[in-house]
Amino acid sequence: MEGLWQVWWVWIVAGFVLGGLEVMAPGYIFLGFAIGAVLTGALVGFGIFAGGLAVLLFLFAVMSVLAWLALRRTMGVREGQVKLWDRDIND
């Protein structure tokens, strides 16, 4: 089982599956994980990084956190930004 995760396309497919989950549950929940999986697959595919399952999962976690932070910085609520509601959804 460990050898399967050392194949680059497995990470890419996992990234696309997580991207599909993001479409079904929007809110930037799975998008950071999807980007992390694709980046991990790219690093493994280009031969830049190789290692065991534990090391690859750590790399995936680091890439996912960095992607999440980048998404939060570019698409998140800005400091001082306030959401104003001018009408109720039940009106």
N, C-alpha and C. Protein backbone atom coordinates (compact mmCIF):
# COMPACT_ATOMS: atom_id res chain seq x y z
N MET A 1 0.82 -1.20 0.00
CA MET A 1 0.00 0.00 0.00
C MET A 1 0.86 1.26 0.00
N GLU A 2 2.01 1.17 0.64
CA GLU A 2 2.86 2.36 0.73
C GLU A 2 3.39 2.77 -0.65
N GLY A 3 3.64 1.81 -1.51
CA GLY A 3 4.17 2.12 -2.83
C GLY A 3 3.20 2.89 -3.70
N LEU A 4 1.89 2.71 -3.47
CA LEU A 4 0.88 3.40 -4.27
C LEU A 4 0.97 4.91 -4.08
N TRP A 5 1.25 5.37 -2.87
CA TRP A 5 1.31 6.80 -2.61
C TRP A 5 2.58 7.45 -3.14
N GLN A 6 3.53 6.65 -3.61
CA GLN A 6 4.73 7.21 -4.21
C GLN A 6 4.58 7.43 -5.70
N VAL A 7 3.40 7.13 -6.24
CA VAL A 7 3.10 7.36 -7.65
C VAL A 7 2.48 8.74 -7.79
N TRP A 8 3.01 9.54 -8.70
CA TRP A 8 2.59 10.94 -8.79
C TRP A 8 1.13 11.12 -9.15
N TRP A 9 0.61 10.29 -10.05
CA TRP A 9 -0.76 10.50 -10.51
C TRP A 9 -1.80 10.19 -9.43
N VAL A 10 -1.44 9.41 -8.43
CA VAL A 10 -2.37 9.15 -7.33
C VAL A 10 -2.64 10.44 -6.57
N TRP A 11 -1.60 11.24 -6.37
CA TRP A 11 -1.77 12.53 -5.69
C TRP A 11 -2.59 13.50 -6.54
N ILE A 12 -2.36 13.48 -7.85
CA ILE A 12 -3.11 14.37 -8.73
C ILE A 12 -4.60 14.00 -8.73
N VAL A 13 -4.88 12.70 -8.83
CA VAL A 13 -6.27 12.24 -8.79
C VAL A 13 -6.92 12.59 -7.45
N ALA A 14 -6.19 12.40 -6.36
CA ALA A 14 -6.71 12.77 -5.04
C ALA A 14 -7.02 14.27 -4.98
N GLY A 15 -6.17 15.08 -5.60
CA GLY A 15 -6.41 16.52 -5.64
C GLY A 15 -7.67 16.87 -6.41
N PHE A 16 -7.90 16.19 -7.53
CA PHE A 16 -9.12 16.46 -8.30
C PHE A 16 -10.36 15.96 -7.58
N VAL A 17 -10.26 14.85 -6.86
CA VAL A 17 -11.40 14.37 -6.06
C VAL A 17 -11.72 15.37 -4.96
N LEU A 18 -10.70 15.88 -4.30
CA LEU A 18 -10.92 16.89 -3.27
C LEU A 18 -11.47 18.18 -3.87
N GLY A 19 -11.04 18.52 -5.08
CA GLY A 19 -11.60 19.68 -5.77
C GLY A 19 -13.07 19.48 -6.08
N GLY A 20 -13.45 18.27 -6.46
CA GLY A 20 -14.86 17.96 -6.68
C GLY A 20 -15.67 18.06 -5.40
N LEU A 21 -15.08 17.63 -4.29
CA LEU A 21 -15.77 17.80 -3.00
C LEU A 21 -15.96 19.26 -2.66
N GLU A 22 -15.00 20.09 -3.05
CA GLU A 22 -15.12 21.54 -2.81
C GLU A 22 -16.30 22.12 -3.59
N VAL A 23 -16.53 21.61 -4.78
CA VAL A 23 -17.66 22.09 -5.58
C VAL A 23 -18.98 21.72 -4.89
N MET A 24 -19.02 20.53 -4.29
CA MET A 24 -20.26 20.09 -3.64
C MET A 24 -20.44 20.72 -2.27
N ALA A 25 -19.36 21.11 -1.61
CA ALA A 25 -19.44 21.74 -0.28
C ALA A 25 -18.59 23.00 -0.30
N PRO A 26 -19.08 24.06 -0.95
CA PRO A 26 -18.25 25.27 -1.08
C PRO A 26 -17.97 25.92 0.27
N GLY A 27 -16.95 26.72 0.28
CA GLY A 27 -16.56 27.42 1.49
C GLY A 27 -15.08 27.31 1.76
N TYR A 28 -14.33 26.91 0.75
CA TYR A 28 -12.88 26.77 0.84
C TYR A 28 -12.48 25.73 1.90
N ILE A 29 -13.29 24.70 2.05
CA ILE A 29 -12.98 23.65 3.02
C ILE A 29 -11.97 22.67 2.44
N PHE A 30 -12.25 22.18 1.24
CA PHE A 30 -11.40 21.16 0.62
C PHE A 30 -10.40 21.72 -0.38
N LEU A 31 -10.52 22.99 -0.73
CA LEU A 31 -9.68 23.55 -1.78
C LEU A 31 -8.21 23.58 -1.38
N GLY A 32 -7.90 23.89 -0.15
CA GLY A 32 -6.52 23.88 0.32
C GLY A 32 -5.92 22.48 0.25
N PHE A 33 -6.72 21.48 0.64
CA PHE A 33 -6.26 20.09 0.55
C PHE A 33 -6.06 19.68 -0.91
N ALA A 34 -6.96 20.12 -1.78
CA ALA A 34 -6.84 19.78 -3.21
C ALA A 34 -5.56 20.36 -3.80
N ILE A 35 -5.29 21.61 -3.50
CA ILE A 35 -4.07 22.24 -4.00
C ILE A 35 -2.84 21.57 -3.40
N GLY A 36 -2.89 21.22 -2.12
CA GLY A 36 -1.79 20.51 -1.49
C GLY A 36 -1.51 19.16 -2.13
N ALA A 37 -2.57 18.44 -2.48
CA ALA A 37 -2.39 17.12 -3.12
C ALA A 37 -1.81 17.27 -4.52
N VAL A 38 -2.27 18.25 -5.28
CA VAL A 38 -1.74 18.46 -6.63
C VAL A 38 -0.28 18.89 -6.57
N LEU A 39 0.05 19.77 -5.64
CA LEU A 39 1.45 20.20 -5.49
C LEU A 39 2.34 19.04 -5.06
N THR A 40 1.85 18.20 -4.17
CA THR A 40 2.61 17.02 -3.76
C THR A 40 2.82 16.09 -4.95
N GLY A 41 1.77 15.89 -5.74
CA GLY A 41 1.89 15.06 -6.94
C GLY A 41 2.89 15.63 -7.93
N ALA A 42 2.90 16.94 -8.07
CA ALA A 42 3.85 17.57 -8.98
C ALA A 42 5.29 17.38 -8.50
N LEU A 43 5.51 17.54 -7.20
CA LEU A 43 6.86 17.35 -6.66
C LEU A 43 7.33 15.91 -6.81
N VAL A 44 6.43 14.97 -6.59
CA VAL A 44 6.78 13.56 -6.76
C VAL A 44 6.98 13.25 -8.24
N GLY A 45 6.13 13.79 -9.09
CA GLY A 45 6.20 13.52 -10.52
C GLY A 45 7.46 14.05 -11.18
N PHE A 46 7.90 15.23 -10.78
CA PHE A 46 9.10 15.81 -11.35
C PHE A 46 10.38 15.27 -10.71
N GLY A 47 10.22 14.40 -9.74
CA GLY A 47 11.38 13.79 -9.09
C GLY A 47 12.07 14.70 -8.11
N ILE A 48 11.43 15.79 -7.73
CA ILE A 48 12.03 16.72 -6.79
C ILE A 48 11.99 16.14 -5.38
N PHE A 49 10.97 15.35 -5.11
CA PHE A 49 10.81 14.82 -3.77
C PHE A 49 10.41 13.36 -3.83
N ALA A 50 11.00 12.55 -3.02
CA ALA A 50 10.64 11.14 -2.89
C ALA A 50 10.85 10.74 -1.45
N GLY A 51 9.98 9.89 -0.97
CA GLY A 51 10.11 9.45 0.42
C GLY A 51 9.05 8.44 0.75
N GLY A 52 9.04 8.04 1.99
CA GLY A 52 8.05 7.09 2.47
C GLY A 52 6.70 7.76 2.66
N LEU A 53 5.72 6.95 3.07
CA LEU A 53 4.36 7.45 3.25
C LEU A 53 4.29 8.55 4.29
N ALA A 54 4.97 8.38 5.41
CA ALA A 54 4.92 9.38 6.47
C ALA A 54 5.50 10.72 6.00
N VAL A 55 6.57 10.67 5.26
CA VAL A 55 7.19 11.90 4.77
C VAL A 55 6.30 12.56 3.72
N LEU A 56 5.69 11.76 2.85
CA LEU A 56 4.79 12.31 1.84
C LEU A 56 3.55 12.93 2.47
N LEU A 57 3.02 12.30 3.51
CA LEU A 57 1.87 12.87 4.20
C LEU A 57 2.24 14.17 4.90
N PHE A 58 3.44 14.24 5.45
CA PHE A 58 3.90 15.49 6.06
C PHE A 58 4.03 16.59 5.00
N LEU A 59 4.60 16.24 3.84
CA LEU A 59 4.71 17.20 2.74
C LEU A 59 3.33 17.67 2.30
N PHE A 60 2.39 16.73 2.19
CA PHE A 60 1.01 17.06 1.82
C PHE A 60 0.40 18.02 2.84
N ALA A 61 0.63 17.76 4.12
CA ALA A 61 0.09 18.63 5.16
C ALA A 61 0.68 20.03 5.08
N VAL A 62 1.98 20.13 4.88
CA VAL A 62 2.63 21.44 4.77
C VAL A 62 2.11 22.20 3.54
N MET A 63 2.03 21.51 2.41
CA MET A 63 1.53 22.16 1.19
C MET A 63 0.07 22.60 1.35
N SER A 64 -0.73 21.79 2.03
CA SER A 64 -2.13 22.13 2.24
C SER A 64 -2.28 23.36 3.13
N VAL A 65 -1.49 23.43 4.18
CA VAL A 65 -1.56 24.59 5.07
C VAL A 65 -1.10 25.85 4.33
N LEU A 66 -0.03 25.74 3.56
CA LEU A 66 0.43 26.90 2.80
C LEU A 66 -0.61 27.35 1.77
N ALA A 67 -1.26 26.39 1.11
CA ALA A 67 -2.31 26.73 0.15
C ALA A 67 -3.49 27.37 0.87
N TRP A 68 -3.86 26.83 2.03
CA TRP A 68 -4.97 27.40 2.78
C TRP A 68 -4.67 28.83 3.22
N LEU A 69 -3.44 29.06 3.70
CA LEU A 69 -3.06 30.41 4.10
C LEU A 69 -3.08 31.37 2.92
N ALA A 70 -2.60 30.92 1.76
CA ALA A 70 -2.63 31.77 0.56
C ALA A 70 -4.07 32.07 0.14
N LEU A 71 -4.93 31.07 0.20
CA LEU A 71 -6.33 31.29 -0.15
C LEU A 71 -6.99 32.24 0.85
N ARG A 72 -6.70 32.06 2.09
CA ARG A 72 -7.29 32.93 3.12
C ARG A 72 -6.83 34.37 2.93
N ARG A 73 -5.57 34.54 2.55
CA ARG A 73 -5.03 35.90 2.35
C ARG A 73 -5.62 36.55 1.11
N THR A 74 -5.81 35.78 0.04
CA THR A 74 -6.29 36.37 -1.20
C THR A 74 -7.81 36.44 -1.30
N MET A 75 -8.52 35.47 -0.71
CA MET A 75 -9.97 35.42 -0.88
C MET A 75 -10.75 35.56 0.41
N GLY A 76 -10.08 35.65 1.53
CA GLY A 76 -10.76 35.73 2.81
C GLY A 76 -11.27 37.13 3.10
N VAL A 77 -11.91 37.27 4.23
CA VAL A 77 -12.41 38.56 4.68
C VAL A 77 -11.22 39.42 5.08
N ARG A 78 -11.20 40.62 4.58
CA ARG A 78 -10.11 41.54 4.87
C ARG A 78 -10.26 42.14 6.27
N GLU A 79 -9.17 42.58 6.84
CA GLU A 79 -9.21 43.22 8.15
C GLU A 79 -10.00 44.52 8.05
N GLY A 80 -10.95 44.68 8.93
CA GLY A 80 -11.79 45.87 8.90
C GLY A 80 -13.01 45.72 8.01
N GLN A 81 -13.08 44.67 7.23
CA GLN A 81 -14.23 44.45 6.35
C GLN A 81 -15.38 43.90 7.19
N VAL A 82 -16.55 44.45 6.98
CA VAL A 82 -17.71 44.04 7.75
C VAL A 82 -18.82 43.66 6.77
N LYS A 83 -19.48 42.56 7.06
CA LYS A 83 -20.62 42.16 6.25
C LYS A 83 -21.86 42.88 6.77
N LEU A 84 -22.55 43.57 5.88
CA LEU A 84 -23.77 44.27 6.26
C LEU A 84 -24.97 43.55 5.66
N TRP A 85 -25.97 43.34 6.48
CA TRP A 85 -27.20 42.70 6.02
C TRP A 85 -28.27 43.78 5.98
N ASP A 86 -28.83 44.02 4.79
CA ASP A 86 -29.84 45.04 4.66
C ASP A 86 -31.26 44.47 4.67
N ARG A 87 -31.38 43.15 4.57
CA ARG A 87 -32.71 42.54 4.67
C ARG A 87 -32.55 41.12 5.22
N ASP A 88 -33.62 40.66 5.78
CA ASP A 88 -33.63 39.32 6.35
C ASP A 88 -34.02 38.32 5.27
N ILE A 89 -33.48 37.12 5.34
CA ILE A 89 -33.78 36.10 4.35
C ILE A 89 -35.24 35.66 4.45
N ASN A 90 -35.87 35.85 5.59
CA ASN A 90 -37.26 35.44 5.79
C ASN A 90 -38.27 36.49 5.34
N ASP A 91 -37.81 37.65 4.92
CA ASP A 91 -38.74 38.71 4.47
C ASP A 91 -39.29 38.41 3.09
